[in-house]
Amino acid sequence: MALPTQFSPATIVTKANVYFEGNVVSYTILLPGDAKKTLGLIRPGIYHFNTDAPERMEIIAGSCRVTVDGAAGETEYASGSYFDVPGKSGFTIQVAEGLCEYICSFLP
């Protein structure tokens, strides 16, 4: 799967989404057709996120280990891979070292 290297045309919300004392930071990208994404990075640590809508997390740099709520065990994801999270659910993401960069797409 080829990951996007840019989005055009797009509106970027300049206020950052900051979580876990700055260890996870993202920016919201608004695209035509009411599409919404976030583009961000995760520093080393273990973090849990809840989801309202279904999401696809594409890893664009680095790596992480993820456990989707209700799943049996964790899976490792590296640059170029992705995982989906159901709506009204959540996931735990662990970054062992370096930065994990991602695109989060909110799915219909």
PDB file of N, CA and C in Angstrom:
ATOM      1  N   MET A   1       0.847  -1.173   0.000  1.00  0.00           N
ATOM      2  CA  MET A   1       0.000   0.000   0.000  1.00  0.00           C
ATOM      3  C   MET A   1       0.894   1.238   0.000  1.00  0.00           C
ATOM      4  N   ALA A   2       0.670   2.122  -0.941  1.00  0.00           N
ATOM      5  CA  ALA A   2       1.440   3.361  -1.001  1.00  0.00           C
ATOM      6  C   ALA A   2       0.798   4.401  -0.090  1.00  0.00           C
ATOM      7  N   LEU A   3       1.570   4.924   0.816  1.00  0.00           N
ATOM      8  CA  LEU A   3       1.070   5.946   1.731  1.00  0.00           C
ATOM      9  C   LEU A   3       1.178   7.315   1.089  1.00  0.00           C
ATOM     10  N   PRO A   4       0.222   8.204   1.368  1.00  0.00           N
ATOM     11  CA  PRO A   4       0.303   9.540   0.791  1.00  0.00           C
ATOM     12  C   PRO A   4       1.494  10.312   1.339  1.00  0.00           C
ATOM     13  N   THR A   5       2.065  11.158   0.503  1.00  0.00           N
ATOM     14  CA  THR A   5       3.154  12.033   0.940  1.00  0.00           C
ATOM     15  C   THR A   5       2.687  13.476   1.081  1.00  0.00           C
ATOM     16  N   GLN A   6       1.478  13.762   0.575  1.00  0.00           N
ATOM     17  CA  GLN A   6       0.886  15.085   0.735  1.00  0.00           C
ATOM     18  C   GLN A   6      -0.611  15.001   0.494  1.00  0.00           C
ATOM     19  N   PHE A   7      -1.337  16.014   0.975  1.00  0.00           N
ATOM     20  CA  PHE A   7      -2.776  16.120   0.759  1.00  0.00           C
ATOM     21  C   PHE A   7      -3.047  17.447   0.068  1.00  0.00           C
ATOM     22  N   SER A   8      -3.854  17.417  -0.993  1.00  0.00           N
ATOM     23  CA  SER A   8      -4.165  18.645  -1.713  1.00  0.00           C
ATOM     24  C   SER A   8      -5.538  18.502  -2.349  1.00  0.00           C
ATOM     25  N   PRO A   9      -6.397  19.476  -2.338  1.00  0.00           N
ATOM     26  CA  PRO A   9      -6.354  20.653  -1.478  1.00  0.00           C
ATOM     27  C   PRO A   9      -6.754  20.268  -0.060  1.00  0.00           C
ATOM     28  N   ALA A  10      -6.299  21.039   0.890  1.00  0.00           N
ATOM     29  CA  ALA A  10      -6.582  20.731   2.286  1.00  0.00           C
ATOM     30  C   ALA A  10      -6.604  22.005   3.109  1.00  0.00           C
ATOM     31  N   THR A  11      -7.363  21.935   4.200  1.00  0.00           N
ATOM     32  CA  THR A  11      -7.342  22.986   5.203  1.00  0.00           C
ATOM     33  C   THR A  11      -6.728  22.381   6.452  1.00  0.00           C
ATOM     34  N   ILE A  12      -5.740  23.047   7.019  1.00  0.00           N
ATOM     35  CA  ILE A  12      -5.070  22.563   8.217  1.00  0.00           C
ATOM     36  C   ILE A  12      -5.519  23.421   9.402  1.00  0.00           C
ATOM     37  N   VAL A  13      -5.958  22.752  10.462  1.00  0.00           N
ATOM     38  CA  VAL A  13      -6.300  23.457  11.693  1.00  0.00           C
ATOM     39  C   VAL A  13      -4.988  23.721  12.431  1.00  0.00           C
ATOM     40  N   THR A  14      -4.675  24.976  12.708  1.00  0.00           N
ATOM     41  CA  THR A  14      -3.354  25.321  13.245  1.00  0.00           C
ATOM     42  C   THR A  14      -3.169  24.965  14.714  1.00  0.00           C
ATOM     43  N   LYS A  15      -4.232  24.826  15.476  1.00  0.00           N
ATOM     44  CA  LYS A  15      -4.111  24.453  16.887  1.00  0.00           C
ATOM     45  C   LYS A  15      -3.840  22.954  16.977  1.00  0.00           C
ATOM     46  N   ALA A  16      -2.753  22.588  17.626  1.00  0.00           N
ATOM     47  CA  ALA A  16      -2.373  21.183  17.765  1.00  0.00           C
ATOM     48  C   ALA A  16      -3.306  20.444  18.724  1.00  0.00           C
ATOM     49  N   ASN A  17      -3.484  19.151  18.474  1.00  0.00           N
ATOM     50  CA  ASN A  17      -4.136  18.237  19.405  1.00  0.00           C
ATOM     51  C   ASN A  17      -3.009  17.637  20.242  1.00  0.00           C
ATOM     52  N   VAL A  18      -2.962  17.938  21.521  1.00  0.00           N
ATOM     53  CA  VAL A  18      -1.857  17.522  22.378  1.00  0.00           C
ATOM     54  C   VAL A  18      -2.387  16.571  23.449  1.00  0.00           C
ATOM     55  N   TYR A  19      -1.794  15.389  23.528  1.00  0.00           N
ATOM     56  CA  TYR A  19      -2.212  14.356  24.474  1.00  0.00           C
ATOM     57  C   TYR A  19      -1.021  13.888  25.299  1.00  0.00           C
ATOM     58  N   PHE A  20      -1.319  13.355  26.465  1.00  0.00           N
ATOM     59  CA  PHE A  20      -0.306  12.723  27.316  1.00  0.00           C
ATOM     60  C   PHE A  20       0.915  13.618  27.515  1.00  0.00           C
ATOM     61  N   GLU A  21       0.648  14.827  28.003  1.00  0.00           N
ATOM     62  CA  GLU A  21       1.696  15.789  28.345  1.00  0.00           C
ATOM     63  C   GLU A  21       2.643  16.070  27.177  1.00  0.00           C
ATOM     64  N   GLY A  22       2.103  16.084  25.973  1.00  0.00           N
ATOM     65  CA  GLY A  22       2.892  16.402  24.789  1.00  0.00           C
ATOM     66  C   GLY A  22       3.587  15.224  24.142  1.00  0.00           C
ATOM     67  N   ASN A  23       3.353  14.024  24.633  1.00  0.00           N
ATOM     68  CA  ASN A  23       3.999  12.848  24.050  1.00  0.00           C
ATOM     69  C   ASN A  23       3.313  12.357  22.783  1.00  0.00           C
ATOM     70  N   VAL A  24       2.077  12.798  22.564  1.00  0.00           N
ATOM     71  CA  VAL A  24       1.357  12.518  21.321  1.00  0.00           C
ATOM     72  C   VAL A  24       0.809  13.864  20.836  1.00  0.00           C
ATOM     73  N   VAL A  25       1.179  14.236  19.615  1.00  0.00           N
ATOM     74  CA  VAL A  25       0.757  15.518  19.056  1.00  0.00           C
ATOM     75  C   VAL A  25       0.291  15.282  17.623  1.00  0.00           C
ATOM     76  N   SER A  26      -0.859  15.887  17.275  1.00  0.00           N
ATOM     77  CA  SER A  26      -1.345  15.771  15.901  1.00  0.00           C
ATOM     78  C   SER A  26      -1.974  17.084  15.459  1.00  0.00           C
ATOM     79  N   TYR A  27      -2.163  17.193  14.142  1.00  0.00           N
ATOM     80  CA  TYR A  27      -2.857  18.325  13.539  1.00  0.00           C
ATOM     81  C   TYR A  27      -3.997  17.796  12.688  1.00  0.00           C
ATOM     82  N   THR A  28      -5.118  18.496  12.710  1.00  0.00           N
ATOM     83  CA  THR A  28      -6.298  18.094  11.944  1.00  0.00           C
ATOM     84  C   THR A  28      -6.203  18.613  10.525  1.00  0.00           C
ATOM     85  N   ILE A  29      -6.524  17.728   9.573  1.00  0.00           N
ATOM     86  CA  ILE A  29      -6.545  18.053   8.148  1.00  0.00           C
ATOM     87  C   ILE A  29      -7.984  17.865   7.665  1.00  0.00           C
ATOM     88  N   LEU A  30      -8.550  18.908   7.076  1.00  0.00           N
ATOM     89  CA  LEU A  30      -9.905  18.845   6.524  1.00  0.00           C
ATOM     90  C   LEU A  30      -9.789  18.808   5.008  1.00  0.00           C
ATOM     91  N   LEU A  31     -10.443  17.831   4.381  1.00  0.00           N
ATOM     92  CA  LEU A  31     -10.359  17.625   2.939  1.00  0.00           C
ATOM     93  C   LEU A  31     -11.736  17.781   2.309  1.00  0.00           C
ATOM     94  N   PRO A  32     -11.792  17.960   0.991  1.00  0.00           N
ATOM     95  CA  PRO A  32     -13.087  18.062   0.318  1.00  0.00           C
ATOM     96  C   PRO A  32     -13.975  16.849   0.623  1.00  0.00           C
ATOM     97  N   GLY A  33     -15.283  17.059   0.594  1.00  0.00           N
ATOM     98  CA  GLY A  33     -16.215  15.972   0.851  1.00  0.00           C
ATOM     99  C   GLY A  33     -16.353  15.645   2.321  1.00  0.00           C
ATOM    100  N   ASP A  34     -16.008  16.585   3.185  1.00  0.00           N
ATOM    101  CA  ASP A  34     -16.105  16.400   4.637  1.00  0.00           C
ATOM    102  C   ASP A  34     -15.174  15.315   5.188  1.00  0.00           C
ATOM    103  N   ALA A  35     -14.133  14.957   4.440  1.00  0.00           N
ATOM    104  CA  ALA A  35     -13.148  14.001   4.949  1.00  0.00           C
ATOM    105  C   ALA A  35     -12.274  14.678   6.004  1.00  0.00           C
ATOM    106  N   LYS A  36     -11.948  13.931   7.041  1.00  0.00           N
ATOM    107  CA  LYS A  36     -11.131  14.468   8.135  1.00  0.00           C
ATOM    108  C   LYS A  36     -10.038  13.459   8.467  1.00  0.00           C
ATOM    109  N   LYS A  37      -8.834  13.986   8.647  1.00  0.00           N
ATOM    110  CA  LYS A  37      -7.691  13.168   9.039  1.00  0.00           C
ATOM    111  C   LYS A  37      -6.915  13.922  10.105  1.00  0.00           C
ATOM    112  N   THR A  38      -6.078  13.199  10.823  1.00  0.00           N
ATOM    113  CA  THR A  38      -5.078  13.856  11.647  1.00  0.00           C
ATOM    114  C   THR A  38      -3.722  13.302  11.245  1.00  0.00           C
ATOM    115  N   LEU A  39      -2.721  14.140  11.386  1.00  0.00           N
ATOM    116  CA  LEU A  39      -1.345  13.796  11.040  1.00  0.00           C
ATOM    117  C   LEU A  39      -0.519  14.078  12.280  1.00  0.00           C
ATOM    118  N   GLY A  40       0.180  13.064  12.793  1.00  0.00           N
ATOM    119  CA  GLY A  40       0.859  13.303  14.054  1.00  0.00           C
ATOM    120  C   GLY A  40       2.027  12.395  14.332  1.00  0.00           C
ATOM    121  N   LEU A  41       2.538  12.538  15.553  1.00  0.00           N
ATOM    122  CA  LEU A  41       3.659  11.711  16.002  1.00  0.00           C
ATOM    123  C   LEU A  41       3.463  11.303  17.453  1.00  0.00           C
ATOM    124  N   ILE A  42       4.085  10.169  17.768  1.00  0.00           N
ATOM    125  CA  ILE A  42       3.994   9.593  19.106  1.00  0.00           C
ATOM    126  C   ILE A  42       5.412   9.339  19.604  1.00  0.00           C
ATOM    127  N   ARG A  43       5.710   9.864  20.784  1.00  0.00           N
ATOM    128  CA  ARG A  43       7.007   9.620  21.421  1.00  0.00           C
ATOM    129  C   ARG A  43       6.967   8.286  22.155  1.00  0.00           C
ATOM    130  N   PRO A  44       8.122   7.753  22.558  1.00  0.00           N
ATOM    131  CA  PRO A  44       8.138   6.473  23.274  1.00  0.00           C
ATOM    132  C   PRO A  44       7.239   6.496  24.511  1.00  0.00           C
ATOM    133  N   GLY A  45       6.525   5.396  24.695  1.00  0.00           N
ATOM    134  CA  GLY A  45       5.621   5.238  25.831  1.00  0.00           C
ATOM    135  C   GLY A  45       4.458   4.339  25.455  1.00  0.00           C
ATOM    136  N   ILE A  46       3.525   4.194  26.383  1.00  0.00           N
ATOM    137  CA  ILE A  46       2.322   3.385  26.174  1.00  0.00           C
ATOM    138  C   ILE A  46       1.124   4.297  26.420  1.00  0.00           C
ATOM    139  N   TYR A  47       0.197   4.332  25.444  1.00  0.00           N
ATOM    140  CA  TYR A  47      -0.931   5.246  25.501  1.00  0.00           C
ATOM    141  C   TYR A  47      -2.204   4.524  25.076  1.00  0.00           C
ATOM    142  N   HIS A  48      -3.326   4.880  25.706  1.00  0.00           N
ATOM    143  CA  HIS A  48      -4.621   4.317  25.316  1.00  0.00           C
ATOM    144  C   HIS A  48      -5.518   5.425  24.784  1.00  0.00           C
ATOM    145  N   PHE A  49      -6.156   5.147  23.643  1.00  0.00           N
ATOM    146  CA  PHE A  49      -7.092   6.086  23.018  1.00  0.00           C
ATOM    147  C   PHE A  49      -8.447   5.425  22.866  1.00  0.00           C
ATOM    148  N   ASN A  50      -9.499   6.193  23.084  1.00  0.00           N
ATOM    149  CA  ASN A  50     -10.858   5.758  22.797  1.00  0.00           C
ATOM    150  C   ASN A  50     -11.255   6.327  21.443  1.00  0.00           C
ATOM    151  N   THR A  51     -12.147   5.630  20.732  1.00  0.00           N
ATOM    152  CA  THR A  51     -12.617   6.091  19.434  1.00  0.00           C
ATOM    153  C   THR A  51     -14.121   6.314  19.475  1.00  0.00           C
ATOM    154  N   ASP A  52     -14.561   7.362  18.810  1.00  0.00           N
ATOM    155  CA  ASP A  52     -15.990   7.557  18.586  1.00  0.00           C
ATOM    156  C   ASP A  52     -16.355   6.933  17.245  1.00  0.00           C
ATOM    157  N   ALA A  53     -15.713   7.415  16.187  1.00  0.00           N
ATOM    158  CA  ALA A  53     -15.933   6.900  14.834  1.00  0.00           C
ATOM    159  C   ALA A  53     -14.863   5.850  14.514  1.00  0.00           C
ATOM    160  N   PRO A  54     -15.136   4.985  13.541  1.00  0.00           N
ATOM    161  CA  PRO A  54     -14.094   4.048  13.092  1.00  0.00           C
ATOM    162  C   PRO A  54     -12.886   4.826  12.556  1.00  0.00           C
ATOM    163  N   GLU A  55     -11.699   4.284  12.779  1.00  0.00           N
ATOM    164  CA  GLU A  55     -10.463   4.947  12.362  1.00  0.00           C
ATOM    165  C   GLU A  55      -9.533   3.978  11.660  1.00  0.00           C
ATOM    166  N   ARG A  56      -8.735   4.517  10.751  1.00  0.00           N
ATOM    167  CA  ARG A  56      -7.611   3.777  10.157  1.00  0.00           C
ATOM    168  C   ARG A  56      -6.348   4.534  10.514  1.00  0.00           C
ATOM    169  N   MET A  57      -5.412   3.850  11.149  1.00  0.00           N
ATOM    170  CA  MET A  57      -4.126   4.436  11.520  1.00  0.00           C
ATOM    171  C   MET A  57      -3.060   3.892  10.575  1.00  0.00           C
ATOM    172  N   GLU A  58      -2.499   4.790   9.745  1.00  0.00           N
ATOM    173  CA  GLU A  58      -1.431   4.421   8.822  1.00  0.00           C
ATOM    174  C   GLU A  58      -0.109   4.879   9.416  1.00  0.00           C
ATOM    175  N   ILE A  59       0.835   3.979   9.532  1.00  0.00           N
ATOM    176  CA  ILE A  59       2.144   4.297  10.101  1.00  0.00           C
ATOM    177  C   ILE A  59       3.043   4.754   8.951  1.00  0.00           C
ATOM    178  N   ILE A  60       3.513   6.010   9.039  1.00  0.00           N
ATOM    179  CA  ILE A  60       4.321   6.552   7.940  1.00  0.00           C
ATOM    180  C   ILE A  60       5.810   6.613   8.269  1.00  0.00           C
ATOM    181  N   ALA A  61       6.164   6.453   9.540  1.00  0.00           N
ATOM    182  CA  ALA A  61       7.574   6.379   9.936  1.00  0.00           C
ATOM    183  C   ALA A  61       7.639   5.773  11.331  1.00  0.00           C
ATOM    184  N   GLY A  62       8.700   5.032  11.597  1.00  0.00           N
ATOM    185  CA  GLY A  62       8.852   4.393  12.903  1.00  0.00           C
ATOM    186  C   GLY A  62       8.032   3.117  12.991  1.00  0.00           C
ATOM    187  N   SER A  63       7.796   2.689  14.224  1.00  0.00           N
ATOM    188  CA  SER A  63       7.018   1.472  14.446  1.00  0.00           C
ATOM    189  C   SER A  63       6.316   1.553  15.795  1.00  0.00           C
ATOM    190  N   CYS A  64       5.347   0.646  15.978  1.00  0.00           N
ATOM    191  CA  CYS A  64       4.585   0.609  17.222  1.00  0.00           C
ATOM    192  C   CYS A  64       3.994  -0.779  17.402  1.00  0.00           C
ATOM    193  N   ARG A  65       3.530  -1.031  18.615  1.00  0.00           N
ATOM    194  CA  ARG A  65       2.773  -2.239  18.929  1.00  0.00           C
ATOM    195  C   ARG A  65       1.393  -1.790  19.372  1.00  0.00           C
ATOM    196  N   VAL A  66       0.377  -2.492  18.881  1.00  0.00           N
ATOM    197  CA  VAL A  66      -0.994  -2.057  19.119  1.00  0.00           C
ATOM    198  C   VAL A  66      -1.846  -3.222  19.591  1.00  0.00           C
ATOM    199  N   THR A  67      -2.702  -2.933  20.568  1.00  0.00           N
ATOM    200  CA  THR A  67      -3.747  -3.855  20.981  1.00  0.00           C
ATOM    201  C   THR A  67      -5.071  -3.115  20.846  1.00  0.00           C
ATOM    202  N   VAL A  68      -5.909  -3.582  19.934  1.00  0.00           N
ATOM    203  CA  VAL A  68      -7.247  -3.014  19.784  1.00  0.00           C
ATOM    204  C   VAL A  68      -8.105  -3.596  20.896  1.00  0.00           C
ATOM    205  N   ASP A  69      -8.915  -2.756  21.533  1.00  0.00           N
ATOM    206  CA  ASP A  69      -9.770  -3.229  22.621  1.00  0.00           C
ATOM    207  C   ASP A  69     -10.529  -4.482  22.180  1.00  0.00           C
ATOM    208  N   GLY A  70     -10.500  -5.499  23.023  1.00  0.00           N
ATOM    209  CA  GLY A  70     -11.202  -6.741  22.746  1.00  0.00           C
ATOM    210  C   GLY A  70     -10.411  -7.757  21.952  1.00  0.00           C
ATOM    211  N   ALA A  71      -9.249  -7.365  21.408  1.00  0.00           N
ATOM    212  CA  ALA A  71      -8.419  -8.290  20.624  1.00  0.00           C
ATOM    213  C   ALA A  71      -7.557  -9.131  21.555  1.00  0.00           C
ATOM    214  N   ALA A  72      -7.207 -10.303  21.080  1.00  0.00           N
ATOM    215  CA  ALA A  72      -6.347 -11.194  21.850  1.00  0.00           C
ATOM    216  C   ALA A  72      -4.895 -10.958  21.443  1.00  0.00           C
ATOM    217  N   GLY A  73      -4.194 -10.123  22.180  1.00  0.00           N
ATOM    218  CA  GLY A  73      -2.779  -9.895  21.914  1.00  0.00           C
ATOM    219  C   GLY A  73      -2.513  -8.643  21.109  1.00  0.00           C
ATOM    220  N   GLU A  74      -1.225  -8.306  21.031  1.00  0.00           N
ATOM    221  CA  GLU A  74      -0.816  -7.105  20.322  1.00  0.00           C
ATOM    222  C   GLU A  74      -0.174  -7.462  18.987  1.00  0.00           C
ATOM    223  N   THR A  75      -0.154  -6.478  18.097  1.00  0.00           N
ATOM    224  CA  THR A  75       0.437  -6.650  16.770  1.00  0.00           C
ATOM    225  C   THR A  75       1.421  -5.523  16.542  1.00  0.00           C
ATOM    226  N   GLU A  76       2.534  -5.835  15.896  1.00  0.00           N
ATOM    227  CA  GLU A  76       3.521  -4.803  15.579  1.00  0.00           C
ATOM    228  C   GLU A  76       3.250  -4.239  14.193  1.00  0.00           C
ATOM    229  N   TYR A  77       3.364  -2.918  14.087  1.00  0.00           N
ATOM    230  CA  TYR A  77       3.163  -2.222  12.822  1.00  0.00           C
ATOM    231  C   TYR A  77       4.376  -1.352  12.548  1.00  0.00           C
ATOM    232  N   ALA A  78       4.864  -1.431  11.316  1.00  0.00           N
ATOM    233  CA  ALA A  78       6.024  -0.638  10.900  1.00  0.00           C
ATOM    234  C   ALA A  78       5.592   0.327   9.810  1.00  0.00           C
ATOM    235  N   SER A  79       6.487   1.200   9.424  1.00  0.00           N
ATOM    236  CA  SER A  79       6.236   2.156   8.358  1.00  0.00           C
ATOM    237  C   SER A  79       5.669   1.444   7.135  1.00  0.00           C
ATOM    238  N   GLY A  80       4.592   1.991   6.583  1.00  0.00           N
ATOM    239  CA  GLY A  80       3.968   1.392   5.408  1.00  0.00           C
ATOM    240  C   GLY A  80       2.807   0.472   5.735  1.00  0.00           C
ATOM    241  N   SER A  81       2.523   0.260   7.010  1.00  0.00           N
ATOM    242  CA  SER A  81       1.416  -0.605   7.390  1.00  0.00           C
ATOM    243  C   SER A  81       0.319   0.208   8.069  1.00  0.00           C
ATOM    244  N   TYR A  82      -0.819  -0.447   8.321  1.00  0.00           N
ATOM    245  CA  TYR A  82      -1.931   0.246   8.958  1.00  0.00           C
ATOM    246  C   TYR A  82      -2.754  -0.726   9.793  1.00  0.00           C
ATOM    247  N   PHE A  83      -3.573  -0.150  10.671  1.00  0.00           N
ATOM    248  CA  PHE A  83      -4.550  -0.949  11.409  1.00  0.00           C
ATOM    249  C   PHE A  83      -5.841  -0.149  11.520  1.00  0.00           C
ATOM    250  N   ASP A  84      -6.953  -0.872  11.632  1.00  0.00           N
ATOM    251  CA  ASP A  84      -8.263  -0.262  11.756  1.00  0.00           C
ATOM    252  C   ASP A  84      -8.793  -0.458  13.167  1.00  0.00           C
ATOM    253  N   VAL A  85      -9.529   0.527  13.640  1.00  0.00           N
ATOM    254  CA  VAL A  85     -10.120   0.476  14.977  1.00  0.00           C
ATOM    255  C   VAL A  85     -11.620   0.753  14.820  1.00  0.00           C
ATOM    256  N   PRO A  86     -12.478  -0.115  15.365  1.00  0.00           N
ATOM    257  CA  PRO A  86     -13.913   0.129  15.263  1.00  0.00           C
ATOM    258  C   PRO A  86     -14.326   1.388  16.024  1.00  0.00           C
ATOM    259  N   GLY A  87     -15.462   1.949  15.649  1.00  0.00           N
ATOM    260  CA  GLY A  87     -16.031   3.065  16.385  1.00  0.00           C
ATOM    261  C   GLY A  87     -16.492   2.602  17.754  1.00  0.00           C
ATOM    262  N   LYS A  88     -16.583   3.539  18.680  1.00  0.00           N
ATOM    263  CA  LYS A  88     -17.008   3.246  20.064  1.00  0.00           C
ATOM    264  C   LYS A  88     -16.156   2.138  20.664  1.00  0.00           C
ATOM    265  N   SER A  89     -14.862   2.211  20.410  1.00  0.00           N
ATOM    266  CA  SER A  89     -13.903   1.212  20.883  1.00  0.00           C
ATOM    267  C   SER A  89     -12.675   1.954  21.390  1.00  0.00           C
ATOM    268  N   GLY A  90     -11.503   1.345  21.207  1.00  0.00           N
ATOM    269  CA  GLY A  90     -10.266   1.988  21.597  1.00  0.00           C
ATOM    270  C   GLY A  90      -9.081   1.101  21.276  1.00  0.00           C
ATOM    271  N   PHE A  91      -7.895   1.624  21.563  1.00  0.00           N
ATOM    272  CA  PHE A  91      -6.676   0.852  21.331  1.00  0.00           C
ATOM    273  C   PHE A  91      -5.572   1.370  22.232  1.00  0.00           C
ATOM    274  N   THR A  92      -4.646   0.474  22.536  1.00  0.00           N
ATOM    275  CA  THR A  92      -3.438   0.821  23.267  1.00  0.00           C
ATOM    276  C   THR A  92      -2.287   0.751  22.281  1.00  0.00           C
ATOM    277  N   ILE A  93      -1.484   1.817  22.243  1.00  0.00           N
ATOM    278  CA  ILE A  93      -0.358   1.879  21.321  1.00  0.00           C
ATOM    279  C   ILE A  93       0.923   2.078  22.127  1.00  0.00           C
ATOM    280  N   GLN A  94       1.944   1.308  21.771  1.00  0.00           N
ATOM    281  CA  GLN A  94       3.229   1.382  22.468  1.00  0.00           C
ATOM    282  C   GLN A  94       4.324   1.664  21.454  1.00  0.00           C
ATOM    283  N   VAL A  95       5.126   2.693  21.743  1.00  0.00           N
ATOM    284  CA  VAL A  95       6.296   3.023  20.936  1.00  0.00           C
ATOM    285  C   VAL A  95       7.508   2.770  21.819  1.00  0.00           C
ATOM    286  N   ALA A  96       8.394   1.884  21.375  1.00  0.00           N
ATOM    287  CA  ALA A  96       9.546   1.493  22.193  1.00  0.00           C
ATOM    288  C   ALA A  96      10.681   2.505  22.111  1.00  0.00           C
ATOM    289  N   GLU A  97      10.918   3.054  20.902  1.00  0.00           N
ATOM    290  CA  GLU A  97      12.023   3.998  20.738  1.00  0.00           C
ATOM    291  C   GLU A  97      11.775   4.888  19.537  1.00  0.00           C
ATOM    292  N   GLY A  98      12.432   6.021  19.516  1.00  0.00           N
ATOM    293  CA  GLY A  98      12.282   6.946  18.401  1.00  0.00           C
ATOM    294  C   GLY A  98      10.884   7.528  18.352  1.00  0.00           C
ATOM    295  N   LEU A  99      10.483   7.950  17.174  1.00  0.00           N
ATOM    296  CA  LEU A  99       9.150   8.505  16.967  1.00  0.00           C
ATOM    297  C   LEU A  99       8.355   7.603  16.045  1.00  0.00           C
ATOM    298  N   CYS A 100       7.073   7.517  16.293  1.00  0.00           N
ATOM    299  CA  CYS A 100       6.144   6.851  15.383  1.00  0.00           C
ATOM    300  C   CYS A 100       5.279   7.950  14.774  1.00  0.00           C
ATOM    301  N   GLU A 101       5.327   8.101  13.462  1.00  0.00           N
ATOM    302  CA  GLU A 101       4.532   9.106  12.763  1.00  0.00           C
ATOM    303  C   GLU A 101       3.361   8.417  12.076  1.00  0.00           C
ATOM    304  N   TYR A 102       2.202   9.083  12.078  1.00  0.00           N
ATOM    305  CA  TYR A 102       0.996   8.430  11.577  1.00  0.00           C
ATOM    306  C   TYR A 102       0.055   9.396  10.887  1.00  0.00           C
ATOM    307  N   ILE A 103      -0.840   8.794  10.073  1.00  0.00           N
ATOM    308  CA  ILE A 103      -2.005   9.467   9.522  1.00  0.00           C
ATOM    309  C   ILE A 103      -3.212   8.709  10.077  1.00  0.00           C
ATOM    310  N   CYS A 104      -4.115   9.430  10.715  1.00  0.00           N
ATOM    311  CA  CYS A 104      -5.349   8.828  11.193  1.00  0.00           C
ATOM    312  C   CYS A 104      -6.488   9.306  10.317  1.00  0.00           C
ATOM    313  N   SER A 105      -7.179   8.360   9.670  1.00  0.00           N
ATOM    314  CA  SER A 105      -8.332   8.692   8.830  1.00  0.00           C
ATOM    315  C   SER A 105      -9.594   8.280   9.555  1.00  0.00           C
ATOM    316  N   PHE A 106     -10.550   9.195   9.623  1.00  0.00           N
ATOM    317  CA  PHE A 106     -11.826   8.898  10.252  1.00  0.00           C
ATOM    318  C   PHE A 106     -12.732   8.309   9.159  1.00  0.00           C
ATOM    319  N   LEU A 107     -13.152   7.053   9.362  1.00  0.00           N
ATOM    320  CA  LEU A 107     -13.867   6.312   8.337  1.00  0.00           C
ATOM    321  C   LEU A 107     -15.381   6.505   8.467  1.00  0.00           C
ATOM    322  N   PRO A 108     -16.097   6.390   7.355  1.00  0.00           N
ATOM    323  CA  PRO A 108     -17.557   6.524   7.420  1.00  0.00           C
ATOM    324  C   PRO A 108     -18.202   5.330   8.115  1.00  0.00           C
TER     325      PRO A 108
END
